[in-house]
């Protein structure tokens, strides 16, 4: 008996077999939100991009000294209109300026009919951007630069809305201010 126990202890690990018992799902069980989706599932239009391959194809993806004079629809880059997107947690304001900075169009989520907390949603930002894009196209703007400022749920949604509205985006710049001397944190709570 003792020799049999010793032999099983010396057995290689790979020979140990564990049995798992599984059962079929019952109809009463609810959908599992925590499961990992299959590779073909996901949001429609979402795609995985290999950045290394994109960078190899487009060598001029980063600006150089000659970028300011590069032509987009027969307009130099430095003279393209700029779409400023100001995003906060409570609202999204989208404005269109010419290259010198004078405001030509302005829209906000409140102007589109969203009230209170709904102004801070990504749907409100996308709707506002689509509305501004249609007005910009009516005025003759086709190709723009985009400048995003602030943190909030409407950052990507506003850019997507400009594309959905029919504008061609040449560059996206993030000009969110970063504080190098932030305010002091609150005093720790005493327990």
N, C-alpha and C. Protein backbone atom coordinates (compact mmCIF):
# COMPACT_ATOMS: atom_id res chain seq x y z
N UNK A 1 0.82 -1.19 0.00
CA UNK A 1 0.00 0.00 0.00
C UNK A 1 0.86 1.25 0.00
N UNK A 2 1.88 1.26 0.83
CA UNK A 2 2.76 2.41 0.92
C UNK A 2 3.50 2.63 -0.39
N UNK A 3 3.91 1.54 -1.08
CA UNK A 3 4.59 1.66 -2.37
C UNK A 3 3.66 2.21 -3.44
N UNK A 4 2.39 1.87 -3.40
CA UNK A 4 1.43 2.39 -4.38
C UNK A 4 1.25 3.89 -4.22
N UNK A 5 1.23 4.37 -2.99
CA UNK A 5 1.09 5.80 -2.74
C UNK A 5 2.33 6.52 -3.23
N UNK A 6 3.52 5.95 -2.97
CA UNK A 6 4.77 6.57 -3.42
C UNK A 6 4.82 6.65 -4.95
N UNK A 7 4.36 5.61 -5.62
CA UNK A 7 4.38 5.62 -7.09
C UNK A 7 3.45 6.68 -7.67
N UNK A 8 2.31 6.88 -7.04
CA UNK A 8 1.40 7.93 -7.54
C UNK A 8 1.96 9.32 -7.27
N UNK A 9 2.70 9.49 -6.20
CA UNK A 9 3.31 10.79 -5.92
C UNK A 9 4.42 11.10 -6.91
N UNK A 10 5.10 10.06 -7.39
CA UNK A 10 6.20 10.26 -8.33
C UNK A 10 5.71 10.41 -9.77
N UNK A 11 4.45 10.20 -10.03
CA UNK A 11 3.92 10.26 -11.40
C UNK A 11 4.07 11.67 -11.95
N UNK A 12 4.36 11.77 -13.23
CA UNK A 12 4.51 13.12 -13.81
C UNK A 12 3.18 13.89 -13.74
N UNK A 13 3.32 15.19 -13.74
CA UNK A 13 2.16 16.06 -13.57
C UNK A 13 1.20 15.93 -14.75
N UNK A 14 1.72 15.68 -15.94
CA UNK A 14 0.88 15.63 -17.12
C UNK A 14 -0.10 14.46 -17.10
N UNK A 15 0.20 13.44 -16.29
CA UNK A 15 -0.70 12.30 -16.26
C UNK A 15 -1.89 12.51 -15.33
N UNK A 16 -1.88 13.59 -14.56
CA UNK A 16 -2.98 13.88 -13.66
C UNK A 16 -4.13 14.46 -14.49
N UNK A 17 -5.28 13.87 -14.40
CA UNK A 17 -6.43 14.30 -15.18
C UNK A 17 -7.49 14.82 -14.23
N UNK A 18 -8.00 15.97 -14.52
CA UNK A 18 -9.09 16.53 -13.72
C UNK A 18 -10.35 16.52 -14.56
N UNK A 19 -11.40 16.15 -13.97
CA UNK A 19 -12.67 16.10 -14.68
C UNK A 19 -13.52 17.29 -14.27
N UNK A 20 -14.03 17.98 -15.27
CA UNK A 20 -14.95 19.08 -15.03
C UNK A 20 -16.31 18.64 -15.51
N UNK A 21 -17.28 18.89 -14.69
CA UNK A 21 -18.63 18.51 -15.09
C UNK A 21 -19.36 19.76 -15.53
N UNK A 22 -19.89 19.72 -16.73
CA UNK A 22 -20.63 20.86 -17.25
C UNK A 22 -22.05 20.43 -17.57
N UNK A 23 -22.91 21.40 -17.60
CA UNK A 23 -24.29 21.11 -17.93
C UNK A 23 -24.76 22.14 -18.95
N UNK A 24 -25.81 21.81 -19.65
CA UNK A 24 -26.37 22.72 -20.65
C UNK A 24 -27.02 23.91 -19.96
N UNK A 25 -27.04 25.06 -20.66
CA UNK A 25 -27.66 26.25 -20.10
C UNK A 25 -29.16 26.06 -20.00
N UNK A 26 -29.68 26.53 -18.92
CA UNK A 26 -31.13 26.50 -18.78
C UNK A 26 -31.74 27.70 -19.48
N UNK A 27 -32.98 27.56 -19.86
CA UNK A 27 -33.67 28.66 -20.54
C UNK A 27 -33.92 29.83 -19.60
N UNK A 28 -33.95 29.59 -18.30
CA UNK A 28 -34.25 30.66 -17.35
C UNK A 28 -33.03 31.51 -17.05
N UNK A 29 -31.82 31.07 -17.46
CA UNK A 29 -30.63 31.86 -17.17
C UNK A 29 -30.60 33.10 -18.04
N UNK A 30 -30.09 34.20 -17.46
CA UNK A 30 -30.06 35.47 -18.18
C UNK A 30 -28.78 35.58 -19.00
N UNK A 31 -28.76 36.58 -19.87
CA UNK A 31 -27.60 36.82 -20.72
C UNK A 31 -26.40 37.20 -19.86
N UNK A 32 -25.24 36.63 -20.15
CA UNK A 32 -24.04 36.90 -19.40
C UNK A 32 -23.29 38.07 -20.03
N UNK A 33 -23.27 39.20 -19.34
CA UNK A 33 -22.62 40.40 -19.86
C UNK A 33 -21.11 40.34 -19.70
N UNK A 34 -20.61 39.44 -18.88
CA UNK A 34 -19.19 39.41 -18.59
C UNK A 34 -18.41 38.48 -19.52
N UNK A 35 -19.10 37.78 -20.40
CA UNK A 35 -18.39 36.85 -21.28
C UNK A 35 -17.61 37.62 -22.33
N UNK A 36 -16.56 37.03 -22.82
CA UNK A 36 -15.72 37.67 -23.83
C UNK A 36 -16.36 37.44 -25.20
N UNK A 37 -16.60 38.51 -25.97
CA UNK A 37 -17.25 38.34 -27.27
C UNK A 37 -16.32 37.68 -28.27
N UNK A 38 -16.91 37.05 -29.27
CA UNK A 38 -16.13 36.43 -30.34
C UNK A 38 -15.47 37.51 -31.18
N UNK A 39 -14.52 37.11 -32.01
CA UNK A 39 -13.76 38.11 -32.76
C UNK A 39 -14.62 38.82 -33.81
N UNK A 40 -15.68 38.18 -34.29
CA UNK A 40 -16.49 38.83 -35.31
C UNK A 40 -17.62 39.67 -34.72
N UNK A 41 -17.80 39.60 -33.40
CA UNK A 41 -18.82 40.42 -32.77
C UNK A 41 -18.26 41.81 -32.52
N UNK A 42 -19.11 42.77 -32.27
CA UNK A 42 -18.65 44.11 -31.95
C UNK A 42 -19.56 45.15 -32.54
N UNK A 43 -19.10 46.36 -32.44
CA UNK A 43 -19.86 47.49 -32.94
C UNK A 43 -19.72 47.56 -34.45
N UNK A 44 -20.81 47.83 -35.14
CA UNK A 44 -20.77 47.92 -36.58
C UNK A 44 -19.90 49.10 -36.99
N UNK A 45 -19.00 48.88 -37.91
CA UNK A 45 -18.10 49.93 -38.35
C UNK A 45 -16.79 49.96 -37.60
N UNK A 46 -16.69 49.26 -36.49
CA UNK A 46 -15.45 49.23 -35.72
C UNK A 46 -14.47 48.28 -36.39
N UNK A 47 -13.26 48.70 -36.52
CA UNK A 47 -12.26 47.83 -37.14
C UNK A 47 -10.93 48.00 -36.42
N UNK A 48 -10.15 46.95 -36.46
CA UNK A 48 -8.84 46.96 -35.83
C UNK A 48 -7.82 47.41 -36.88
N UNK A 49 -7.01 48.38 -36.50
CA UNK A 49 -6.03 48.94 -37.42
C UNK A 49 -4.63 48.61 -36.91
N UNK A 50 -3.81 48.06 -37.77
CA UNK A 50 -2.42 47.79 -37.43
C UNK A 50 -1.63 49.07 -37.68
N UNK A 51 -1.22 49.75 -36.60
CA UNK A 51 -0.58 51.05 -36.74
C UNK A 51 0.76 50.96 -37.45
N UNK A 52 1.50 49.89 -37.23
CA UNK A 52 2.80 49.77 -37.89
C UNK A 52 2.64 49.72 -39.41
N UNK A 53 1.63 48.99 -39.88
CA UNK A 53 1.41 48.91 -41.32
C UNK A 53 0.99 50.26 -41.89
N UNK A 54 0.17 51.00 -41.14
CA UNK A 54 -0.27 52.31 -41.60
C UNK A 54 0.91 53.28 -41.67
N UNK A 55 1.77 53.23 -40.66
CA UNK A 55 2.92 54.13 -40.66
C UNK A 55 3.90 53.81 -41.79
N UNK A 56 4.01 52.53 -42.16
CA UNK A 56 4.90 52.17 -43.27
C UNK A 56 4.32 52.65 -44.60
N UNK A 57 3.01 52.61 -44.75
CA UNK A 57 2.39 53.04 -46.00
C UNK A 57 2.43 54.56 -46.14
N UNK A 58 2.14 55.26 -45.08
CA UNK A 58 2.09 56.73 -45.12
C UNK A 58 3.30 57.28 -44.38
N UNK A 59 4.31 57.62 -45.12
CA UNK A 59 5.51 58.15 -44.49
C UNK A 59 5.31 59.60 -44.04
N UNK A 60 4.37 60.31 -44.68
CA UNK A 60 4.18 61.73 -44.35
C UNK A 60 2.99 61.93 -43.40
N UNK A 61 2.83 61.01 -42.45
CA UNK A 61 1.70 61.12 -41.52
C UNK A 61 1.96 62.18 -40.45
N UNK A 62 3.22 62.47 -40.16
CA UNK A 62 3.57 63.48 -39.17
C UNK A 62 3.96 64.76 -39.88
N UNK A 63 3.63 65.93 -39.30
CA UNK A 63 3.91 67.20 -39.97
C UNK A 63 5.41 67.49 -40.06
N UNK A 64 5.77 68.20 -41.13
CA UNK A 64 7.14 68.65 -41.35
C UNK A 64 7.11 70.15 -41.59
N UNK A 65 8.26 70.70 -41.98
CA UNK A 65 8.32 72.14 -42.25
C UNK A 65 7.50 72.52 -43.49
N UNK A 66 7.38 71.58 -44.43
CA UNK A 66 6.64 71.86 -45.66
C UNK A 66 5.14 71.59 -45.53
N UNK A 67 4.68 71.10 -44.38
CA UNK A 67 3.27 70.73 -44.22
C UNK A 67 2.33 71.93 -44.31
N UNK A 68 2.77 73.11 -43.89
CA UNK A 68 1.90 74.29 -43.91
C UNK A 68 1.49 74.68 -45.32
N UNK A 69 2.32 74.37 -46.30
CA UNK A 69 2.03 74.75 -47.67
C UNK A 69 1.43 73.61 -48.49
N UNK A 70 1.22 72.46 -47.88
CA UNK A 70 0.64 71.33 -48.59
C UNK A 70 -0.82 71.66 -48.96
N UNK A 71 -1.23 71.27 -50.16
CA UNK A 71 -2.55 71.62 -50.66
C UNK A 71 -3.57 70.53 -50.35
N UNK A 72 -4.75 70.95 -49.89
CA UNK A 72 -5.90 70.07 -49.68
C UNK A 72 -7.08 70.74 -50.37
N UNK A 73 -7.58 70.12 -51.43
CA UNK A 73 -8.64 70.70 -52.26
C UNK A 73 -8.27 72.11 -52.73
N UNK A 74 -7.05 72.26 -53.20
CA UNK A 74 -6.50 73.51 -53.74
C UNK A 74 -6.40 74.62 -52.70
N UNK A 75 -6.39 74.27 -51.40
CA UNK A 75 -6.24 75.25 -50.32
C UNK A 75 -5.03 74.83 -49.48
N UNK A 76 -4.09 75.76 -49.22
CA UNK A 76 -2.96 75.40 -48.36
C UNK A 76 -3.42 75.03 -46.95
N UNK A 77 -2.67 74.15 -46.31
CA UNK A 77 -3.04 73.67 -44.98
C UNK A 77 -3.21 74.82 -43.99
N UNK A 78 -2.33 75.80 -44.04
CA UNK A 78 -2.39 76.89 -43.06
C UNK A 78 -3.59 77.81 -43.28
N UNK A 79 -4.29 77.69 -44.42
CA UNK A 79 -5.47 78.53 -44.67
C UNK A 79 -6.78 77.75 -44.57
N UNK A 80 -6.72 76.49 -44.12
CA UNK A 80 -7.95 75.71 -43.94
C UNK A 80 -8.73 76.22 -42.74
N UNK A 81 -10.06 76.16 -42.80
CA UNK A 81 -10.85 76.54 -41.62
C UNK A 81 -10.62 75.54 -40.48
N UNK A 82 -10.81 76.03 -39.26
CA UNK A 82 -10.56 75.22 -38.06
C UNK A 82 -11.88 75.00 -37.34
N UNK A 83 -12.15 73.76 -36.98
CA UNK A 83 -13.33 73.44 -36.18
C UNK A 83 -12.88 73.19 -34.75
N UNK A 84 -13.28 74.07 -33.85
CA UNK A 84 -12.90 73.96 -32.44
C UNK A 84 -13.99 73.21 -31.68
N UNK A 85 -13.61 72.14 -31.00
CA UNK A 85 -14.57 71.36 -30.21
C UNK A 85 -14.18 71.52 -28.75
N UNK A 86 -15.05 72.18 -27.99
CA UNK A 86 -14.80 72.41 -26.56
C UNK A 86 -15.69 71.44 -25.79
N UNK A 87 -15.06 70.48 -25.12
CA UNK A 87 -15.80 69.40 -24.46
C UNK A 87 -15.64 69.53 -22.96
N UNK A 88 -16.75 69.45 -22.24
CA UNK A 88 -16.72 69.36 -20.78
C UNK A 88 -17.65 68.23 -20.37
N UNK A 89 -17.74 67.97 -19.09
CA UNK A 89 -18.62 66.90 -18.63
C UNK A 89 -20.09 67.29 -18.77
N UNK A 90 -20.37 68.60 -18.85
CA UNK A 90 -21.75 69.05 -18.89
C UNK A 90 -22.24 69.50 -20.27
N UNK A 91 -21.33 69.77 -21.19
CA UNK A 91 -21.76 70.32 -22.47
C UNK A 91 -20.66 70.13 -23.52
N UNK A 92 -21.02 70.28 -24.77
CA UNK A 92 -20.06 70.27 -25.88
C UNK A 92 -20.39 71.44 -26.78
N UNK A 93 -19.40 72.28 -27.05
CA UNK A 93 -19.57 73.45 -27.90
C UNK A 93 -18.67 73.28 -29.12
N UNK A 94 -19.26 73.35 -30.31
CA UNK A 94 -18.52 73.17 -31.56
C UNK A 94 -18.60 74.48 -32.33
N UNK A 95 -17.44 75.03 -32.68
CA UNK A 95 -17.43 76.29 -33.44
C UNK A 95 -16.52 76.14 -34.64
N UNK A 96 -16.83 76.88 -35.70
CA UNK A 96 -16.05 76.87 -36.94
C UNK A 96 -15.45 78.26 -37.12
N UNK A 97 -14.14 78.31 -37.28
CA UNK A 97 -13.46 79.59 -37.51
C UNK A 97 -12.68 79.51 -38.81
N UNK A 98 -12.35 80.68 -39.36
CA UNK A 98 -11.45 80.66 -40.50
C UNK A 98 -10.02 80.56 -39.97
N UNK A 99 -9.04 80.57 -40.88
CA UNK A 99 -7.65 80.36 -40.46
C UNK A 99 -7.12 81.45 -39.55
N UNK A 100 -7.71 82.65 -39.62
CA UNK A 100 -7.24 83.74 -38.76
C UNK A 100 -7.88 83.72 -37.37
N UNK A 101 -8.97 82.97 -37.20
CA UNK A 101 -9.57 82.82 -35.88
C UNK A 101 -10.91 83.50 -35.70
N UNK A 102 -11.46 84.14 -36.73
CA UNK A 102 -12.77 84.78 -36.58
C UNK A 102 -13.86 83.71 -36.72
N UNK A 103 -14.82 83.74 -35.79
CA UNK A 103 -15.85 82.70 -35.71
C UNK A 103 -16.86 82.87 -36.85
N UNK A 104 -17.12 81.76 -37.56
CA UNK A 104 -18.10 81.76 -38.65
C UNK A 104 -19.39 81.04 -38.25
N UNK A 105 -19.27 79.93 -37.52
CA UNK A 105 -20.43 79.15 -37.07
C UNK A 105 -20.19 78.70 -35.64
N UNK A 106 -21.27 78.56 -34.90
CA UNK A 106 -21.16 78.04 -33.54
C UNK A 106 -22.42 77.26 -33.20
N UNK A 107 -22.25 76.12 -32.56
CA UNK A 107 -23.37 75.29 -32.12
C UNK A 107 -23.01 74.68 -30.78
N UNK A 108 -24.02 74.46 -29.95
CA UNK A 108 -23.82 73.75 -28.69
C UNK A 108 -24.95 72.76 -28.51
N UNK A 109 -24.79 71.87 -27.55
CA UNK A 109 -25.81 70.85 -27.32
C UNK A 109 -27.12 71.48 -26.86
N UNK A 110 -27.04 72.57 -26.13
CA UNK A 110 -28.25 73.26 -25.69
C UNK A 110 -29.01 73.88 -26.85
N UNK A 111 -28.28 74.36 -27.87
CA UNK A 111 -28.94 74.93 -29.04
C UNK A 111 -29.64 73.85 -29.86
N UNK A 112 -29.21 72.61 -29.73
CA UNK A 112 -29.83 71.51 -30.46
C UNK A 112 -31.05 70.95 -29.73
N UNK A 113 -31.36 71.46 -28.55
CA UNK A 113 -32.56 71.03 -27.84
C UNK A 113 -32.31 70.08 -26.68
N UNK A 114 -31.07 69.77 -26.38
CA UNK A 114 -30.78 68.91 -25.24
C UNK A 114 -30.78 69.75 -23.97
N UNK A 115 -31.34 69.20 -22.91
CA UNK A 115 -31.45 69.94 -21.65
C UNK A 115 -30.75 69.19 -20.54
N UNK A 116 -30.29 69.95 -19.56
CA UNK A 116 -29.74 69.43 -18.30
C UNK A 116 -28.63 68.40 -18.53
N UNK A 117 -28.76 67.22 -17.93
CA UNK A 117 -27.67 66.25 -18.00
C UNK A 117 -27.52 65.62 -19.38
N UNK A 118 -28.55 65.71 -20.22
CA UNK A 118 -28.44 65.13 -21.56
C UNK A 118 -27.49 65.92 -22.45
N UNK A 119 -27.17 67.17 -22.08
CA UNK A 119 -26.22 67.96 -22.86
C UNK A 119 -24.82 67.36 -22.80
N UNK A 120 -24.51 66.64 -21.74
CA UNK A 120 -23.17 66.09 -21.57
C UNK A 120 -22.97 64.72 -22.18
N UNK A 121 -23.91 64.21 -22.95
CA UNK A 121 -23.79 62.87 -23.49
C UNK A 121 -23.08 62.89 -24.84
N UNK A 122 -22.61 61.73 -25.27
CA UNK A 122 -21.94 61.65 -26.56
C UNK A 122 -22.93 61.74 -27.71
N UNK A 123 -24.17 61.35 -27.50
CA UNK A 123 -25.18 61.47 -28.55
C UNK A 123 -25.47 62.94 -28.84
N UNK A 124 -25.53 63.74 -27.78
CA UNK A 124 -25.76 65.18 -27.96
C UNK A 124 -24.59 65.82 -28.71
N UNK A 125 -23.37 65.41 -28.40
CA UNK A 125 -22.19 65.97 -29.08
C UNK A 125 -22.19 65.59 -30.55
N UNK A 126 -22.55 64.35 -30.85
CA UNK A 126 -22.57 63.90 -32.24
C UNK A 126 -23.64 64.63 -33.03
N UNK A 127 -24.82 64.82 -32.45
CA UNK A 127 -25.90 65.54 -33.12
C UNK A 127 -25.50 66.98 -33.39
N UNK A 128 -24.85 67.61 -32.41
CA UNK A 128 -24.41 68.99 -32.58
C UNK A 128 -23.39 69.11 -33.70
N UNK A 129 -22.46 68.16 -33.77
CA UNK A 129 -21.42 68.19 -34.80
C UNK A 129 -22.01 67.96 -36.19
N UNK A 130 -22.99 67.07 -36.29
CA UNK A 130 -23.65 66.84 -37.59
C UNK A 130 -24.36 68.10 -38.05
N UNK A 131 -25.03 68.77 -37.11
CA UNK A 131 -25.74 70.00 -37.44
C UNK A 131 -24.79 71.09 -37.93
N UNK A 132 -23.65 71.24 -37.24
CA UNK A 132 -22.67 72.25 -37.65
C UNK A 132 -22.06 71.88 -39.00
N UNK A 133 -21.83 70.59 -39.23
CA UNK A 133 -21.23 70.16 -40.50
C UNK A 133 -22.14 70.46 -41.68
N UNK A 134 -23.44 70.25 -41.52
CA UNK A 134 -24.36 70.55 -42.63
C UNK A 134 -24.40 72.04 -42.91
N UNK A 135 -24.35 72.87 -41.86
CA UNK A 135 -24.33 74.32 -42.09
C UNK A 135 -23.02 74.76 -42.74
N UNK A 136 -21.91 74.10 -42.35
CA UNK A 136 -20.62 74.45 -42.93
C UNK A 136 -20.56 74.09 -44.41
N UNK A 137 -21.14 72.95 -44.77
CA UNK A 137 -21.16 72.56 -46.17
C UNK A 137 -22.02 73.51 -46.98
N UNK A 138 -23.13 73.99 -46.39
CA UNK A 138 -23.96 74.97 -47.07
C UNK A 138 -23.20 76.26 -47.35
N UNK A 139 -22.26 76.60 -46.47
CA UNK A 139 -21.47 77.81 -46.65
C UNK A 139 -20.24 77.60 -47.52
N UNK A 140 -20.00 76.37 -47.93
CA UNK A 140 -18.91 76.11 -48.87
C UNK A 140 -17.66 75.49 -48.26
N UNK A 141 -17.68 75.15 -46.99
CA UNK A 141 -16.52 74.49 -46.38
C UNK A 141 -16.61 72.99 -46.66
N UNK A 142 -15.49 72.41 -47.08
CA UNK A 142 -15.47 70.97 -47.33
C UNK A 142 -14.37 70.28 -46.53
N UNK A 143 -13.20 70.89 -46.49
CA UNK A 143 -12.05 70.31 -45.82
C UNK A 143 -11.69 71.19 -44.63
N UNK A 144 -11.50 70.57 -43.46
CA UNK A 144 -11.26 71.34 -42.24
C UNK A 144 -10.14 70.72 -41.42
N UNK A 145 -9.66 71.51 -40.48
CA UNK A 145 -8.79 71.01 -39.41
C UNK A 145 -9.65 70.97 -38.15
N UNK A 146 -9.33 70.08 -37.23
CA UNK A 146 -10.10 69.95 -35.99
C UNK A 146 -9.18 70.17 -34.80
N UNK A 147 -9.65 70.96 -33.84
CA UNK A 147 -8.92 71.19 -32.60
C UNK A 147 -9.84 70.83 -31.44
N UNK A 148 -9.47 69.84 -30.65
CA UNK A 148 -10.28 69.36 -29.53
C UNK A 148 -9.68 69.88 -28.23
N UNK A 149 -10.55 70.36 -27.35
CA UNK A 149 -10.08 70.90 -26.08
C UNK A 149 -11.00 70.43 -24.97
N UNK A 150 -10.45 69.84 -23.94
CA UNK A 150 -11.22 69.41 -22.78
C UNK A 150 -11.43 67.91 -22.74
N UNK A 151 -11.92 67.46 -21.58
CA UNK A 151 -12.18 66.05 -21.35
C UNK A 151 -13.66 65.86 -21.11
N UNK A 152 -14.24 64.88 -21.74
CA UNK A 152 -15.65 64.61 -21.57
C UNK A 152 -16.09 63.49 -22.49
N UNK A 153 -17.34 63.09 -22.38
CA UNK A 153 -17.82 61.97 -23.18
C UNK A 153 -18.00 62.29 -24.65
N UNK A 154 -17.99 63.56 -25.05
CA UNK A 154 -18.29 63.91 -26.42
C UNK A 154 -17.09 64.12 -27.32
N UNK A 155 -15.89 63.77 -26.88
CA UNK A 155 -14.69 64.03 -27.68
C UNK A 155 -14.73 63.30 -29.02
N UNK A 156 -14.75 62.00 -28.98
CA UNK A 156 -14.74 61.22 -30.23
C UNK A 156 -16.06 61.31 -30.97
N UNK A 157 -17.16 61.44 -30.23
CA UNK A 157 -18.47 61.51 -30.86
C UNK A 157 -18.60 62.77 -31.72
N UNK A 158 -18.03 63.88 -31.27
CA UNK A 158 -18.11 65.11 -32.05
C UNK A 158 -17.30 65.00 -33.34
N UNK A 159 -16.14 64.38 -33.27
CA UNK A 159 -15.33 64.19 -34.48
C UNK A 159 -16.04 63.27 -35.46
N UNK A 160 -16.63 62.21 -34.91
CA UNK A 160 -17.39 61.28 -35.76
C UNK A 160 -18.59 62.00 -36.40
N UNK A 161 -19.23 62.90 -35.65
CA UNK A 161 -20.35 63.66 -36.19
C UNK A 161 -19.95 64.58 -37.33
N UNK A 162 -18.76 65.17 -37.23
CA UNK A 162 -18.28 66.02 -38.34
C UNK A 162 -18.07 65.19 -39.60
N UNK A 163 -17.53 63.98 -39.43
CA UNK A 163 -17.35 63.10 -40.59
C UNK A 163 -18.69 62.66 -41.15
N UNK A 164 -19.63 62.32 -40.28
CA UNK A 164 -20.95 61.89 -40.73
C UNK A 164 -21.68 63.02 -41.44
N UNK A 165 -21.41 64.26 -41.05
CA UNK A 165 -22.04 65.41 -41.69
C UNK A 165 -21.51 65.70 -43.07
N UNK A 166 -20.37 65.08 -43.44
CA UNK A 166 -19.85 65.25 -44.79
C UNK A 166 -18.58 66.06 -44.90
N UNK A 167 -18.01 66.48 -43.79
CA UNK A 167 -16.76 67.24 -43.85
C UNK A 167 -15.57 66.29 -43.92
N UNK A 168 -14.53 66.72 -44.63
CA UNK A 168 -13.30 65.95 -44.71
C UNK A 168 -12.31 66.53 -43.70
N UNK A 169 -11.87 65.70 -42.75
CA UNK A 169 -10.97 66.14 -41.68
C UNK A 169 -9.54 65.83 -42.10
N UNK A 170 -8.70 66.87 -42.10
CA UNK A 170 -7.30 66.72 -42.50
C UNK A 170 -6.43 66.39 -41.29
N UNK A 171 -6.63 67.11 -40.18
CA UNK A 171 -5.80 66.88 -39.00
C UNK A 171 -6.64 67.06 -37.75
N UNK A 172 -6.25 66.36 -36.70
CA UNK A 172 -6.90 66.47 -35.39
C UNK A 172 -5.83 66.84 -34.39
N UNK A 173 -6.06 67.96 -33.69
CA UNK A 173 -5.11 68.44 -32.69
C UNK A 173 -5.80 68.48 -31.34
N UNK A 174 -5.12 67.95 -30.33
CA UNK A 174 -5.66 67.99 -28.97
C UNK A 174 -4.97 69.12 -28.24
N UNK A 175 -5.71 70.16 -27.89
CA UNK A 175 -5.14 71.31 -27.19
C UNK A 175 -5.70 71.43 -25.78
N UNK A 176 -5.90 70.30 -25.12
CA UNK A 176 -6.40 70.30 -23.75
C UNK A 176 -5.33 70.87 -22.83
N UNK A 177 -5.66 71.88 -22.01
CA UNK A 177 -4.64 72.44 -21.11
C UNK A 177 -4.28 71.44 -20.01
N UNK A 178 -2.99 71.32 -19.76
CA UNK A 178 -2.51 70.43 -18.71
C UNK A 178 -1.92 71.29 -17.60
N UNK A 179 -2.43 71.11 -16.40
CA UNK A 179 -1.94 71.89 -15.27
C UNK A 179 -0.72 71.21 -14.68
N UNK A 180 0.40 71.95 -14.64
CA UNK A 180 1.60 71.41 -14.03
C UNK A 180 1.65 71.72 -12.54
N UNK A 181 0.71 72.52 -12.07
CA UNK A 181 0.63 72.85 -10.65
C UNK A 181 -0.82 72.68 -10.22
N UNK A 182 -1.31 71.43 -10.11
CA UNK A 182 -2.73 71.23 -9.84
C UNK A 182 -3.09 71.65 -8.41
N UNK A 183 -4.37 71.84 -8.14
CA UNK A 183 -4.78 72.20 -6.78
C UNK A 183 -4.49 71.08 -5.80
N UNK A 184 -4.36 71.45 -4.53
CA UNK A 184 -4.06 70.45 -3.51
C UNK A 184 -5.24 69.49 -3.35
N UNK A 185 -4.97 68.24 -3.07
CA UNK A 185 -6.07 67.29 -2.83
C UNK A 185 -6.75 67.60 -1.49
N UNK A 186 -7.96 67.10 -1.33
CA UNK A 186 -8.70 67.33 -0.10
C UNK A 186 -8.03 66.65 1.07
N UNK A 187 -8.28 67.19 2.25
CA UNK A 187 -7.73 66.59 3.45
C UNK A 187 -8.32 65.21 3.65
N UNK A 188 -7.50 64.25 4.10
CA UNK A 188 -7.96 62.87 4.27
C UNK A 188 -9.04 62.79 5.34
N UNK A 189 -10.03 61.95 5.10
CA UNK A 189 -11.14 61.80 6.03
C UNK A 189 -10.70 61.05 7.27
N UNK A 190 -11.12 61.51 8.40
CA UNK A 190 -10.78 60.80 9.66
C UNK A 190 -11.82 59.76 9.94
N UNK A 191 -11.37 58.57 10.26
CA UNK A 191 -12.30 57.48 10.53
C UNK A 191 -12.38 57.17 12.00
